[in-house]
Protein backbone atom coordinates (compact mmCIF):
# COMPACT_ATOMS: atom_id res chain seq x y z
CA MET A 1 -1.93 -13.20 -6.99
CA ARG A 2 -2.41 -16.56 -6.75
CA GLY A 3 0.58 -17.40 -8.61
CA THR A 4 2.79 -15.82 -6.22
CA PRO A 5 1.51 -17.61 -3.25
CA ALA A 6 4.37 -16.27 -0.69
CA ALA A 7 3.20 -12.74 -1.64
CA SER A 8 1.73 -11.19 1.17
CA ILE A 9 -0.25 -7.54 -0.07
CA VAL A 10 -0.10 -4.31 1.90
CA VAL A 11 -3.10 -1.55 0.19
CA ILE A 12 -1.94 1.80 0.28
CA SER A 13 -4.45 2.92 -1.73
CA SER A 14 -6.77 5.81 -0.75
CA LEU A 15 -9.65 3.17 -0.26
CA ARG A 16 -7.74 2.36 3.04
CA GLU A 17 -8.58 6.13 4.68
CA GLY A 18 -11.54 5.73 7.02
CA ARG A 19 -11.95 1.30 6.16
CA THR A 20 -10.54 -1.47 8.24
CA LEU A 21 -8.57 -4.26 7.36
CA ALA A 22 -11.39 -6.61 6.73
CA GLN A 23 -13.57 -4.14 4.86
CA LEU A 24 -10.55 -3.90 2.35
CA ARG A 25 -9.96 -8.03 2.49
CA ALA A 26 -14.34 -8.00 1.98
CA PRO A 27 -14.43 -7.86 -1.66
CA PHE A 28 -11.90 -10.35 -2.34
CA ALA A 29 -11.59 -14.12 -2.34
CA ALA A 30 -11.18 -15.62 0.45
CA ASP A 31 -7.81 -16.70 -0.66
CA ILE A 32 -6.60 -13.80 -1.55
CA ALA A 33 -8.62 -11.68 1.35
CA ALA A 34 -6.39 -13.46 3.32
CA ARG A 35 -2.98 -13.06 2.67
CA PHE A 36 -3.98 -8.53 3.03
CA VAL A 37 -1.62 -7.81 6.05
CA GLY A 38 -1.89 -4.29 6.55
CA VAL A 39 -1.98 -1.03 5.11
CA THR A 40 0.79 2.03 4.29
CA PRO A 41 0.44 5.18 7.30
CA MET A 42 -1.19 7.92 6.00
CA LEU A 43 0.93 10.72 5.94
CA PRO A 44 0.37 14.66 6.00
CA VAL A 45 -0.33 16.03 2.84
CA LYS A 46 0.36 20.13 3.74
CA ASN A 47 0.40 21.28 -0.12
CA ALA A 48 0.50 20.03 -4.08
CA ALA A 49 4.86 20.02 -3.32
CA ASP A 50 4.08 17.28 -0.99
CA LEU A 51 2.04 15.24 -3.10
CA ALA A 52 5.17 14.39 -5.81
CA GLY A 53 6.53 10.92 -4.06
CA SER A 54 3.90 10.80 -1.71
CA ARG A 55 3.03 6.89 -1.80
CA HIS A 56 6.16 6.68 -2.06
CA ARG A 57 7.44 7.71 1.46
CA GLU A 58 4.42 6.36 2.75
CA ILE A 59 5.87 2.88 1.69
CA LEU A 60 9.01 3.65 3.55
CA ALA A 61 7.62 4.27 6.25
CA TYR A 62 5.65 1.36 6.35
CA LEU A 63 9.12 -0.82 5.14
CA ASP A 64 11.16 1.27 8.17
CA ALA A 65 8.47 -0.88 11.05
CA HIS A 66 7.95 -3.99 9.06
CA PRO A 67 11.26 -4.92 6.43
CA ALA A 68 10.90 -6.57 3.92
CA SER A 69 13.63 -7.24 1.12
CA ASP A 70 11.98 -7.68 -1.95
CA TRP A 71 8.60 -5.56 -3.00
CA LEU A 72 6.15 -3.98 -5.35
CA ALA A 73 4.14 -1.86 -5.61
CA ILE A 74 0.76 -1.72 -7.77
CA ASP A 75 -0.77 1.85 -8.80
CA ASP A 76 -2.57 4.23 -11.03
CA ASP A 77 -1.22 7.70 -10.27
CA ALA A 78 2.84 7.40 -10.97
CA THR A 79 2.77 10.92 -9.75
CA LEU A 80 3.05 9.31 -6.12
CA TYR A 81 6.22 8.14 -6.29
CA PRO A 82 9.80 9.80 -7.30
CA LEU A 83 10.65 10.18 -11.41
CA ILE A 84 13.14 7.66 -11.85
């Protein structure tokens, strides 16, 4: 992140559930923590079929409210994104 100083951070991790933005920033160095600008919304998952692609839908919902031309998601669970 330090190599890309203009990049902001939006948390998509399940860690965002039940935590404030300040709590999410806390484990990080001050220069990185300051770049946390928000979290994606938590959309309802009613069944297993809803889970597939759910993080991608949350990102798209965030982008509807906060447009950005470039973005990158880093996640350890590919099942939460559509197949390409």
